[in-house]
Amino acid sequence: MFRLAHLSDIHLGPLPEVAYRDLVSKRITGYINWRRNRSAALNDGVIDDIVADLKARRPDHVAITGDLMNLALDGEIELSRLWLEALGAPRDVSVVPGNHDAYVAGALVKACRAWGPFMQGDGAAEPARPGAFPYLRVRGPVALIGASSARATAPFMASGFFGESQARRLSRLLDETREKGLCRVVMIHHPPVRGAAAAHKRLFGIGRFHKVMRDHGAELVLHGHTHLPTTYRIDGRDGSVPVVGVAAAGQAPRGKRPPGQYNLLTIDGRPGAWRVELTRRGISDIDRQVHDIASERLSG
């Protein structure tokens, strides 16, 4: 049995010192939003509680589906690198970027450079970088395939993009890992599901992603972005593919979104007959103790 933990939308804080020159961009609207809303709604103490519980469960691997940062400031990139190193060794933690990690032009390049060891495919000469996703890591019976929907956008936009070149590479990796009898888990930040996110936050290329699933299949898709614990299903080559979201890891109680959670997935079985079960663990609006929120069988 393989145990996979899934975190997303960490939004580490507090923000480092912000220079005026940093705000001459889309960051000015993000900074105002942070001061008015996110600084109260996102709580680092919650992240600490979630991570402590996650480590106590001793998962075989941790998948993080983006948005470690808020404005992608240089100080945030360094803070997130240190946080990842404290979470676990690079071989045990896999990361894909989110829209906040690509907040302004050039930020994603810096983030990929800083987080490189956590986004380097098996046998790859270098880590994944913008334009070179997805990457592949095999851990036990599981193929972890890290795709990227992250890109810099205009103010008041938080959309993602899944393009043709990435679709071709993802298709090839899905075929190769299927032939090896692996349980294929695709990680991406934006939900590849129509209507799952507001129009200004949606993924462009959902139809392209769905075609990849119909033609090549996968056993599981993990995403973040919405800050909601959701389960969708999309058509796949060999049946429906569960698409699983998660609440923001650092969300404080009594907010507009569910308080901090992570997903714990158990994967067992054999090729063609994988059993995947999901347990959502997190805090509640009543107390800060981490406990089971819900559970469901996704397949098998």
C-alpha atoms as a PDB file:
ATOM      1  CA  MET A   1       0.000   0.000   0.000  1.00  0.00           C
ATOM      2  CA  PHE A   2       1.289   3.452  -0.973  1.00  0.00           C
ATOM      3  CA  ARG A   3       0.286   6.516   1.067  1.00  0.00           C
ATOM      4  CA  LEU A   4       0.289   9.856  -0.743  1.00  0.00           C
ATOM      5  CA  ALA A   5      -0.340  13.164   1.041  1.00  0.00           C
ATOM      6  CA  HIS A   6      -1.693  16.094  -0.976  1.00  0.00           C
ATOM      7  CA  LEU A   7      -1.313  19.748   0.049  1.00  0.00           C
ATOM      8  CA  SER A   8      -2.093  22.889  -1.895  1.00  0.00           C
ATOM      9  CA  ASP A   9      -2.397  26.669  -1.686  1.00  0.00           C
ATOM     10  CA  ILE A  10       0.049  27.171   1.155  1.00  0.00           C
ATOM     11  CA  HIS A  11       0.273  30.964   0.674  1.00  0.00           C
ATOM     12  CA  LEU A  12       3.123  31.328   3.139  1.00  0.00           C
ATOM     13  CA  GLY A  13       3.156  34.510   5.174  1.00  0.00           C
ATOM     14  CA  PRO A  14       3.689  37.041   6.446  1.00  0.00           C
ATOM     15  CA  LEU A  15       4.866  38.957   3.420  1.00  0.00           C
ATOM     16  CA  PRO A  16       8.490  40.074   3.482  1.00  0.00           C
ATOM     17  CA  GLU A  17       9.354  43.754   3.250  1.00  0.00           C
ATOM     18  CA  VAL A  18       7.869  45.168   0.065  1.00  0.00           C
ATOM     19  CA  ALA A  19       9.736  47.886  -1.828  1.00  0.00           C
ATOM     20  CA  TYR A  20       7.809  50.461  -3.837  1.00  0.00           C
ATOM     21  CA  ARG A  21       9.408  49.190  -7.041  1.00  0.00           C
ATOM     22  CA  ASP A  22       7.887  45.752  -6.354  1.00  0.00           C
ATOM     23  CA  LEU A  23       4.413  47.254  -6.473  1.00  0.00           C
ATOM     24  CA  VAL A  24       4.753  48.859  -9.909  1.00  0.00           C
ATOM     25  CA  SER A  25       2.988  45.890 -11.483  1.00  0.00           C
ATOM     26  CA  LYS A  26       0.080  43.540 -10.882  1.00  0.00           C
ATOM     27  CA  ARG A  27       1.486  43.139  -7.371  1.00  0.00           C
ATOM     28  CA  ILE A  28      -0.187  46.377  -6.228  1.00  0.00           C
ATOM     29  CA  THR A  29      -3.651  44.789  -6.458  1.00  0.00           C
ATOM     30  CA  GLY A  30      -2.394  41.592  -4.847  1.00  0.00           C
ATOM     31  CA  TYR A  31      -0.770  43.540  -2.035  1.00  0.00           C
ATOM     32  CA  ILE A  32      -3.995  45.413  -1.313  1.00  0.00           C
ATOM     33  CA  ASN A  33      -5.900  42.112  -1.347  1.00  0.00           C
ATOM     34  CA  TRP A  34      -3.390  40.598   1.065  1.00  0.00           C
ATOM     35  CA  ARG A  35      -3.694  43.499   3.499  1.00  0.00           C
ATOM     36  CA  ARG A  36      -7.488  43.554   3.348  1.00  0.00           C
ATOM     37  CA  ASN A  37      -8.285  39.844   3.192  1.00  0.00           C
ATOM     38  CA  ARG A  38      -5.609  37.167   2.953  1.00  0.00           C
ATOM     39  CA  SER A  39      -3.445  38.246   5.892  1.00  0.00           C
ATOM     40  CA  ALA A  40      -6.328  37.449   8.239  1.00  0.00           C
ATOM     41  CA  ALA A  41      -7.757  34.468   6.364  1.00  0.00           C
ATOM     42  CA  LEU A  42      -4.460  32.593   5.963  1.00  0.00           C
ATOM     43  CA  ASN A  43      -2.770  31.567   9.163  1.00  0.00           C
ATOM     44  CA  ASP A  44       0.734  30.137   9.435  1.00  0.00           C
ATOM     45  CA  GLY A  45      -0.127  28.444  12.719  1.00  0.00           C
ATOM     46  CA  VAL A  46      -2.709  26.378  10.850  1.00  0.00           C
ATOM     47  CA  ILE A  47      -0.068  25.319   8.327  1.00  0.00           C
ATOM     48  CA  ASP A  48       2.179  24.212  11.183  1.00  0.00           C
ATOM     49  CA  ASP A  49      -0.609  22.092  12.674  1.00  0.00           C
ATOM     50  CA  ILE A  50      -1.440  20.541   9.295  1.00  0.00           C
ATOM     51  CA  VAL A  51       2.198  19.708   8.536  1.00  0.00           C
ATOM     52  CA  ALA A  52       2.768  18.228  11.989  1.00  0.00           C
ATOM     53  CA  ASP A  53      -0.215  15.905  11.533  1.00  0.00           C
ATOM     54  CA  LEU A  54       0.880  15.008   8.016  1.00  0.00           C
ATOM     55  CA  LYS A  55       4.359  14.044   9.188  1.00  0.00           C
ATOM     56  CA  ALA A  56       2.887  11.973  12.013  1.00  0.00           C
ATOM     57  CA  ARG A  57       1.008   9.930   9.398  1.00  0.00           C
ATOM     58  CA  ARG A  58       4.312   9.101   7.684  1.00  0.00           C
ATOM     59  CA  PRO A  59       3.161   9.213   4.043  1.00  0.00           C
ATOM     60  CA  ASP A  60       5.373   7.651   1.397  1.00  0.00           C
ATOM     61  CA  HIS A  61       5.308  10.858  -0.622  1.00  0.00           C
ATOM     62  CA  VAL A  62       3.901  14.401  -0.532  1.00  0.00           C
ATOM     63  CA  ALA A  63       2.376  16.155  -3.556  1.00  0.00           C
ATOM     64  CA  ILE A  64       1.963  19.947  -3.506  1.00  0.00           C
ATOM     65  CA  THR A  65      -0.216  21.460  -6.220  1.00  0.00           C
ATOM     66  CA  GLY A  66       0.901  25.062  -6.210  1.00  0.00           C
ATOM     67  CA  ASP A  67       0.513  28.505  -4.708  1.00  0.00           C
ATOM     68  CA  LEU A  68       3.226  28.336  -2.094  1.00  0.00           C
ATOM     69  CA  MET A  69       3.486  32.123  -2.334  1.00  0.00           C
ATOM     70  CA  ASN A  70       1.306  35.219  -2.526  1.00  0.00           C
ATOM     71  CA  LEU A  71       3.003  37.849  -4.716  1.00  0.00           C
ATOM     72  CA  ALA A  72       6.085  35.838  -5.804  1.00  0.00           C
ATOM     73  CA  LEU A  73       8.458  38.341  -4.230  1.00  0.00           C
ATOM     74  CA  ASP A  74      12.122  37.333  -4.056  1.00  0.00           C
ATOM     75  CA  GLY A  75      11.824  37.014  -0.284  1.00  0.00           C
ATOM     76  CA  GLU A  76       8.819  34.717  -0.676  1.00  0.00           C
ATOM     77  CA  ILE A  77      10.707  32.493  -3.087  1.00  0.00           C
ATOM     78  CA  GLU A  78      13.474  32.032  -0.524  1.00  0.00           C
ATOM     79  CA  LEU A  79      10.980  31.484   2.317  1.00  0.00           C
ATOM     80  CA  SER A  80       9.119  28.833   0.325  1.00  0.00           C
ATOM     81  CA  ARG A  81      12.373  27.057  -0.531  1.00  0.00           C
ATOM     82  CA  LEU A  82      13.254  26.842   3.148  1.00  0.00           C
ATOM     83  CA  TRP A  83       9.734  25.655   3.977  1.00  0.00           C
ATOM     84  CA  LEU A  84       9.968  22.876   1.394  1.00  0.00           C
ATOM     85  CA  GLU A  85      13.320  21.745   2.765  1.00  0.00           C
ATOM     86  CA  ALA A  86      11.815  21.573   6.260  1.00  0.00           C
ATOM     87  CA  LEU A  87       8.850  19.587   4.933  1.00  0.00           C
ATOM     88  CA  GLY A  88      10.953  16.782   3.515  1.00  0.00           C
ATOM     89  CA  ALA A  89      13.764  15.676   1.259  1.00  0.00           C
ATOM     90  CA  PRO A  90      13.353  16.545  -2.441  1.00  0.00           C
ATOM     91  CA  ARG A  91      12.950  12.882  -3.415  1.00  0.00           C
ATOM     92  CA  ASP A  92       9.975  12.644  -1.036  1.00  0.00           C
ATOM     93  CA  VAL A  93       8.162  15.861  -2.027  1.00  0.00           C
ATOM     94  CA  SER A  94       6.907  16.779  -5.513  1.00  0.00           C
ATOM     95  CA  VAL A  95       5.767  20.306  -6.400  1.00  0.00           C
ATOM     96  CA  VAL A  96       3.957  21.956  -9.296  1.00  0.00           C
ATOM     97  CA  PRO A  97       3.537  25.750  -9.459  1.00  0.00           C
ATOM     98  CA  GLY A  98       0.341  27.762  -9.191  1.00  0.00           C
ATOM     99  CA  ASN A  99      -0.756  31.134 -10.506  1.00  0.00           C
ATOM    100  CA  HIS A 100       0.510  32.970  -7.406  1.00  0.00           C
ATOM    101  CA  ASP A 101       3.927  31.405  -7.992  1.00  0.00           C
ATOM    102  CA  ALA A 102       3.903  32.996 -11.466  1.00  0.00           C
ATOM    103  CA  TYR A 103       2.350  36.246 -10.284  1.00  0.00           C
ATOM    104  CA  VAL A 104       4.379  38.539 -12.552  1.00  0.00           C
ATOM    105  CA  ALA A 105       6.580  37.984 -15.585  1.00  0.00           C
ATOM    106  CA  GLY A 106       9.841  36.281 -14.636  1.00  0.00           C
ATOM    107  CA  ALA A 107       8.662  35.044 -11.243  1.00  0.00           C
ATOM    108  CA  LEU A 108       8.032  31.470 -12.386  1.00  0.00           C
ATOM    109  CA  VAL A 109      11.572  31.136 -13.733  1.00  0.00           C
ATOM    110  CA  LYS A 110      12.939  32.144 -10.327  1.00  0.00           C
ATOM    111  CA  ALA A 111      10.556  29.813  -8.483  1.00  0.00           C
ATOM    112  CA  CYS A 112      11.466  26.840 -10.676  1.00  0.00           C
ATOM    113  CA  ARG A 113      15.138  27.547 -10.091  1.00  0.00           C
ATOM    114  CA  ALA A 114      14.679  27.725  -6.303  1.00  0.00           C
ATOM    115  CA  TRP A 115      12.425  24.660  -6.087  1.00  0.00           C
ATOM    116  CA  GLY A 116      14.291  22.690  -8.733  1.00  0.00           C
ATOM    117  CA  PRO A 117      15.142  19.634  -6.609  1.00  0.00           C
ATOM    118  CA  PHE A 118      11.423  19.206  -5.867  1.00  0.00           C
ATOM    119  CA  MET A 119      10.466  19.358  -9.553  1.00  0.00           C
ATOM    120  CA  GLN A 120      13.134  17.191 -11.156  1.00  0.00           C
ATOM    121  CA  GLY A 121      11.990  14.107 -12.999  1.00  0.00           C
ATOM    122  CA  ASP A 122      13.741  10.772 -12.554  1.00  0.00           C
ATOM    123  CA  GLY A 123      16.857  10.689 -14.684  1.00  0.00           C
ATOM    124  CA  ALA A 124      16.325  14.245 -15.958  1.00  0.00           C
ATOM    125  CA  ALA A 125      19.432  16.320 -16.543  1.00  0.00           C
ATOM    126  CA  GLU A 126      17.776  19.385 -15.037  1.00  0.00           C
ATOM    127  CA  PRO A 127      14.594  20.278 -13.131  1.00  0.00           C
ATOM    128  CA  ALA A 128      11.375  21.225 -14.864  1.00  0.00           C
ATOM    129  CA  ARG A 129      11.142  24.852 -15.965  1.00  0.00           C
ATOM    130  CA  PRO A 130       8.534  26.984 -17.735  1.00  0.00           C
ATOM    131  CA  GLY A 131       7.812  25.381 -21.064  1.00  0.00           C
ATOM    132  CA  ALA A 132       9.302  22.010 -20.067  1.00  0.00           C
ATOM    133  CA  PHE A 133       6.574  20.431 -17.926  1.00  0.00           C
ATOM    134  CA  PRO A 134       5.420  17.793 -17.156  1.00  0.00           C
ATOM    135  CA  TYR A 135       8.047  15.862 -15.238  1.00  0.00           C
ATOM    136  CA  LEU A 136       7.833  12.236 -14.126  1.00  0.00           C
ATOM    137  CA  ARG A 137       8.776  10.598 -10.850  1.00  0.00           C
ATOM    138  CA  VAL A 138       8.169   6.931 -10.032  1.00  0.00           C
ATOM    139  CA  ARG A 139       7.763   6.039  -6.379  1.00  0.00           C
ATOM    140  CA  GLY A 140       6.797   2.470  -5.603  1.00  0.00           C
ATOM    141  CA  PRO A 141       3.807   1.533  -7.789  1.00  0.00           C
ATOM    142  CA  VAL A 142       2.936   5.186  -8.439  1.00  0.00           C
ATOM    143  CA  ALA A 143       3.868   7.457 -11.352  1.00  0.00           C
ATOM    144  CA  LEU A 144       3.744  11.090 -10.221  1.00  0.00           C
ATOM    145  CA  ILE A 145       3.404  13.360 -13.241  1.00  0.00           C
ATOM    146  CA  GLY A 146       3.790  17.068 -12.530  1.00  0.00           C
ATOM    147  CA  ALA A 147       2.057  19.335 -15.061  1.00  0.00           C
ATOM    148  CA  SER A 148       1.993  23.122 -14.931  1.00  0.00           C
ATOM    149  CA  SER A 149      -0.912  25.493 -15.535  1.00  0.00           C
ATOM    150  CA  ALA A 150       0.943  28.477 -14.041  1.00  0.00           C
ATOM    151  CA  ARG A 151       1.518  31.664 -16.005  1.00  0.00           C
ATOM    152  CA  ALA A 152       1.643  35.395 -15.351  1.00  0.00           C
ATOM    153  CA  THR A 153      -1.707  37.100 -15.974  1.00  0.00           C
ATOM    154  CA  ALA A 154      -3.170  40.595 -16.074  1.00  0.00           C
ATOM    155  CA  PRO A 155      -4.475  42.306 -12.908  1.00  0.00           C
ATOM    156  CA  PHE A 156      -7.672  40.773 -11.523  1.00  0.00           C
ATOM    157  CA  MET A 157      -7.039  37.555 -13.481  1.00  0.00           C
ATOM    158  CA  ALA A 158      -5.913  34.200 -12.055  1.00  0.00           C
ATOM    159  CA  SER A 159      -6.368  31.918 -15.027  1.00  0.00           C
ATOM    160  CA  GLY A 160      -4.147  29.025 -16.047  1.00  0.00           C
ATOM    161  CA  PHE A 161      -3.102  27.488 -19.331  1.00  0.00           C
ATOM    162  CA  PHE A 162      -2.591  23.941 -20.592  1.00  0.00           C
ATOM    163  CA  GLY A 163      -1.160  24.027 -24.083  1.00  0.00           C
ATOM    164  CA  GLU A 164      -0.646  21.656 -26.977  1.00  0.00           C
ATOM    165  CA  SER A 165       3.048  20.969 -26.414  1.00  0.00           C
ATOM    166  CA  GLN A 166       2.458  20.025 -22.790  1.00  0.00           C
ATOM    167  CA  ALA A 167      -0.482  17.869 -23.839  1.00  0.00           C
ATOM    168  CA  ARG A 168       1.771  15.903 -26.191  1.00  0.00           C
ATOM    169  CA  ARG A 169       4.390  15.348 -23.493  1.00  0.00           C
ATOM    170  CA  LEU A 170       1.761  14.351 -20.941  1.00  0.00           C
ATOM    171  CA  SER A 171       0.224  11.887 -23.410  1.00  0.00           C
ATOM    172  CA  ARG A 172       3.589  10.226 -23.953  1.00  0.00           C
ATOM    173  CA  LEU A 173       4.287   9.909 -20.229  1.00  0.00           C
ATOM    174  CA  LEU A 174       0.827   8.473 -19.555  1.00  0.00           C
ATOM    175  CA  ASP A 175       1.339   5.814 -22.230  1.00  0.00           C
ATOM    176  CA  GLU A 176       4.825   4.916 -21.020  1.00  0.00           C
ATOM    177  CA  THR A 177       3.771   4.560 -17.400  1.00  0.00           C
ATOM    178  CA  ARG A 178       0.634   2.617 -18.287  1.00  0.00           C
ATOM    179  CA  GLU A 179       2.764   0.098 -20.156  1.00  0.00           C
ATOM    180  CA  LYS A 180       4.854  -0.298 -17.004  1.00  0.00           C
ATOM    181  CA  GLY A 181       1.750  -1.074 -14.953  1.00  0.00           C
ATOM    182  CA  LEU A 182       1.983   2.023 -12.750  1.00  0.00           C
ATOM    183  CA  CYS A 183      -0.805   3.920 -11.023  1.00  0.00           C
ATOM    184  CA  ARG A 184      -0.692   7.304 -12.769  1.00  0.00           C
ATOM    185  CA  VAL A 185      -1.268  10.441 -10.673  1.00  0.00           C
ATOM    186  CA  VAL A 186      -1.314  13.783 -12.512  1.00  0.00           C
ATOM    187  CA  MET A 187      -0.674  16.964 -10.521  1.00  0.00           C
ATOM    188  CA  ILE A 188      -1.806  20.381 -11.795  1.00  0.00           C
ATOM    189  CA  HIS A 189      -2.799  23.595 -10.035  1.00  0.00           C
ATOM    190  CA  HIS A 190      -5.973  24.716 -11.823  1.00  0.00           C
ATOM    191  CA  PRO A 191      -8.897  22.275 -11.808  1.00  0.00           C
ATOM    192  CA  PRO A 192      -9.282  20.733 -15.291  1.00  0.00           C
ATOM    193  CA  VAL A 193     -13.059  20.747 -14.890  1.00  0.00           C
ATOM    194  CA  ARG A 194     -15.524  23.133 -16.486  1.00  0.00           C
ATOM    195  CA  GLY A 195     -17.310  25.331 -13.965  1.00  0.00           C
ATOM    196  CA  ALA A 196     -15.009  24.408 -11.087  1.00  0.00           C
ATOM    197  CA  ALA A 197     -13.535  27.926 -10.963  1.00  0.00           C
ATOM    198  CA  ALA A 198     -14.901  31.376 -11.776  1.00  0.00           C
ATOM    199  CA  ALA A 199     -14.384  32.613 -15.329  1.00  0.00           C
ATOM    200  CA  HIS A 200     -11.436  34.858 -14.434  1.00  0.00           C
ATOM    201  CA  LYS A 201      -9.770  31.965 -12.588  1.00  0.00           C
ATOM    202  CA  ARG A 202     -10.436  29.132 -15.037  1.00  0.00           C
ATOM    203  CA  LEU A 203      -8.037  26.894 -16.878  1.00  0.00           C
ATOM    204  CA  PHE A 204      -7.654  27.581 -20.588  1.00  0.00           C
ATOM    205  CA  GLY A 205      -7.179  24.245 -22.335  1.00  0.00           C
ATOM    206  CA  ILE A 206      -9.676  22.157 -20.357  1.00  0.00           C
ATOM    207  CA  GLY A 207     -10.917  20.522 -23.556  1.00  0.00           C
ATOM    208  CA  ARG A 208      -7.328  19.658 -24.482  1.00  0.00           C
ATOM    209  CA  PHE A 209      -6.735  18.117 -21.049  1.00  0.00           C
ATOM    210  CA  HIS A 210      -9.957  16.084 -21.336  1.00  0.00           C
ATOM    211  CA  LYS A 211      -8.879  14.738 -24.711  1.00  0.00           C
ATOM    212  CA  VAL A 212      -5.601  13.550 -23.193  1.00  0.00           C
ATOM    213  CA  MET A 213      -7.549  11.729 -20.484  1.00  0.00           C
ATOM    214  CA  ARG A 214      -9.949  10.146 -22.992  1.00  0.00           C
ATOM    215  CA  ASP A 215      -7.135   8.991 -25.252  1.00  0.00           C
ATOM    216  CA  HIS A 216      -4.529   7.948 -22.688  1.00  0.00           C
ATOM    217  CA  GLY A 217      -6.193   7.737 -19.261  1.00  0.00           C
ATOM    218  CA  ALA A 218      -4.957   8.214 -15.708  1.00  0.00           C
ATOM    219  CA  GLU A 219      -5.903   6.851 -12.321  1.00  0.00           C
ATOM    220  CA  LEU A 220      -6.063  10.165 -10.457  1.00  0.00           C
ATOM    221  CA  VAL A 221      -5.736  13.931 -10.957  1.00  0.00           C
ATOM    222  CA  LEU A 222      -4.836  16.220  -8.031  1.00  0.00           C
ATOM    223  CA  HIS A 223      -5.313  19.999  -8.120  1.00  0.00           C
ATOM    224  CA  GLY A 224      -5.591  23.080  -5.934  1.00  0.00           C
ATOM    225  CA  HIS A 225      -6.583  26.697  -6.722  1.00  0.00           C
ATOM    226  CA  THR A 226     -10.206  26.744  -5.522  1.00  0.00           C
ATOM    227  CA  HIS A 227      -9.406  26.287  -1.800  1.00  0.00           C
ATOM    228  CA  LEU A 228     -12.230  23.744  -1.706  1.00  0.00           C
ATOM    229  CA  PRO A 229     -12.309  19.996  -0.897  1.00  0.00           C
ATOM    230  CA  THR A 230     -13.923  18.648  -4.057  1.00  0.00           C
ATOM    231  CA  THR A 231     -14.154  15.448  -6.073  1.00  0.00           C
ATOM    232  CA  TYR A 232     -15.069  15.532  -9.744  1.00  0.00           C
ATOM    233  CA  ARG A 233     -14.913  12.874 -12.433  1.00  0.00           C
ATOM    234  CA  ILE A 234     -13.956  13.207 -16.072  1.00  0.00           C
ATOM    235  CA  ASP A 235     -13.998  10.636 -18.861  1.00  0.00           C
ATOM    236  CA  GLY A 236     -10.845   8.572 -19.226  1.00  0.00           C
ATOM    237  CA  ARG A 237      -9.512   5.874 -21.525  1.00  0.00           C
ATOM    238  CA  ASP A 238     -10.558   3.042 -19.219  1.00  0.00           C
ATOM    239  CA  GLY A 239     -13.374   4.683 -17.268  1.00  0.00           C
ATOM    240  CA  SER A 240     -13.887   7.845 -15.257  1.00  0.00           C
ATOM    241  CA  VAL A 241     -10.882   9.610 -13.745  1.00  0.00           C
ATOM    242  CA  PRO A 242     -11.317  11.125 -10.251  1.00  0.00           C
ATOM    243  CA  VAL A 243     -10.214  14.755 -10.035  1.00  0.00           C
ATOM    244  CA  VAL A 244      -9.551  15.749  -6.428  1.00  0.00           C
ATOM    245  CA  GLY A 245      -9.158  19.220  -4.946  1.00  0.00           C
ATOM    246  CA  VAL A 246      -8.247  20.238  -1.414  1.00  0.00           C
ATOM    247  CA  ALA A 247      -8.863  23.119   0.973  1.00  0.00           C
ATOM    248  CA  ALA A 248      -6.037  25.641   1.339  1.00  0.00           C
ATOM    249  CA  ALA A 249      -3.524  24.272   3.817  1.00  0.00           C
ATOM    250  CA  GLY A 250      -3.224  27.487   5.785  1.00  0.00           C
ATOM    251  CA  GLN A 251      -6.833  28.678   5.802  1.00  0.00           C
ATOM    252  CA  ALA A 252      -7.828  29.992   9.231  1.00  0.00           C
ATOM    253  CA  PRO A 253     -11.096  28.898  10.895  1.00  0.00           C
ATOM    254  CA  ARG A 254     -14.356  30.777  10.474  1.00  0.00           C
ATOM    255  CA  GLY A 255     -13.533  32.146   7.047  1.00  0.00           C
ATOM    256  CA  LYS A 256     -15.281  32.083   3.685  1.00  0.00           C
ATOM    257  CA  ARG A 257     -13.566  28.821   2.769  1.00  0.00           C
ATOM    258  CA  PRO A 258     -13.138  25.592   4.785  1.00  0.00           C
ATOM    259  CA  PRO A 259     -10.264  25.775   7.289  1.00  0.00           C
ATOM    260  CA  GLY A 260      -6.926  24.125   6.592  1.00  0.00           C
ATOM    261  CA  GLN A 261      -6.896  20.552   5.304  1.00  0.00           C
ATOM    262  CA  TYR A 262      -4.785  18.046   3.451  1.00  0.00           C
ATOM    263  CA  ASN A 263      -5.677  14.866   1.582  1.00  0.00           C
ATOM    264  CA  LEU A 264      -4.302  11.468   2.488  1.00  0.00           C
ATOM    265  CA  LEU A 265      -4.669   8.933  -0.319  1.00  0.00           C
ATOM    266  CA  THR A 266      -4.004   5.217  -0.043  1.00  0.00           C
ATOM    267  CA  ILE A 267      -3.194   3.395  -3.274  1.00  0.00           C
ATOM    268  CA  ASP A 268      -3.266  -0.382  -3.488  1.00  0.00           C
ATOM    269  CA  GLY A 269      -4.082  -3.117  -5.959  1.00  0.00           C
ATOM    270  CA  ARG A 270      -2.598  -4.003  -9.319  1.00  0.00           C
ATOM    271  CA  PRO A 271      -2.506  -2.696 -12.913  1.00  0.00           C
ATOM    272  CA  GLY A 272      -6.020  -2.356 -14.241  1.00  0.00           C
ATOM    273  CA  ALA A 273      -7.498  -2.804 -10.773  1.00  0.00           C
ATOM    274  CA  TRP A 274      -6.106  -0.021  -8.610  1.00  0.00           C
ATOM    275  CA  ARG A 275      -7.879   0.832  -5.362  1.00  0.00           C
ATOM    276  CA  VAL A 276      -7.655   4.478  -4.327  1.00  0.00           C
ATOM    277  CA  GLU A 277      -9.173   5.744  -1.092  1.00  0.00           C
ATOM    278  CA  LEU A 278      -9.247   9.347   0.070  1.00  0.00           C
ATOM    279  CA  THR A 279      -9.289  10.687   3.615  1.00  0.00           C
ATOM    280  CA  ARG A 280      -9.519  14.429   4.168  1.00  0.00           C
ATOM    281  CA  ARG A 281      -7.843  15.594   7.370  1.00  0.00           C
ATOM    282  CA  GLY A 282      -7.927  19.094   8.791  1.00  0.00           C
ATOM    283  CA  ILE A 283      -9.100  21.452  11.459  1.00  0.00           C
ATOM    284  CA  SER A 284     -12.652  22.649  12.028  1.00  0.00           C
ATOM    285  CA  ASP A 285     -14.267  25.998  12.761  1.00  0.00           C
ATOM    286  CA  ILE A 286     -14.631  24.814  16.369  1.00  0.00           C
ATOM    287  CA  ASP A 287     -11.117  23.734  17.355  1.00  0.00           C
ATOM    288  CA  ARG A 288      -7.575  23.478  16.049  1.00  0.00           C
ATOM    289  CA  GLN A 289      -7.221  19.727  16.469  1.00  0.00           C
ATOM    290  CA  VAL A 290      -6.516  17.965  13.176  1.00  0.00           C
ATOM    291  CA  HIS A 291      -8.954  15.132  12.591  1.00  0.00           C
ATOM    292  CA  ASP A 292     -10.700  13.193   9.821  1.00  0.00           C
ATOM    293  CA  ILE A 293     -13.120  15.429   7.936  1.00  0.00           C
ATOM    294  CA  ALA A 294     -14.427  12.973   5.350  1.00  0.00           C
ATOM    295  CA  SER A 295     -13.444   9.864   3.444  1.00  0.00           C
ATOM    296  CA  GLU A 296     -14.468   8.224   0.187  1.00  0.00           C
ATOM    297  CA  ARG A 297     -13.400   5.456  -2.145  1.00  0.00           C
ATOM    298  CA  LEU A 298     -12.326   6.873  -5.480  1.00  0.00           C
ATOM    299  CA  SER A 299     -11.776   3.610  -7.341  1.00  0.00           C
ATOM    300  CA  GLY A 300     -11.553  -0.136  -6.848  1.00  0.00           C
END
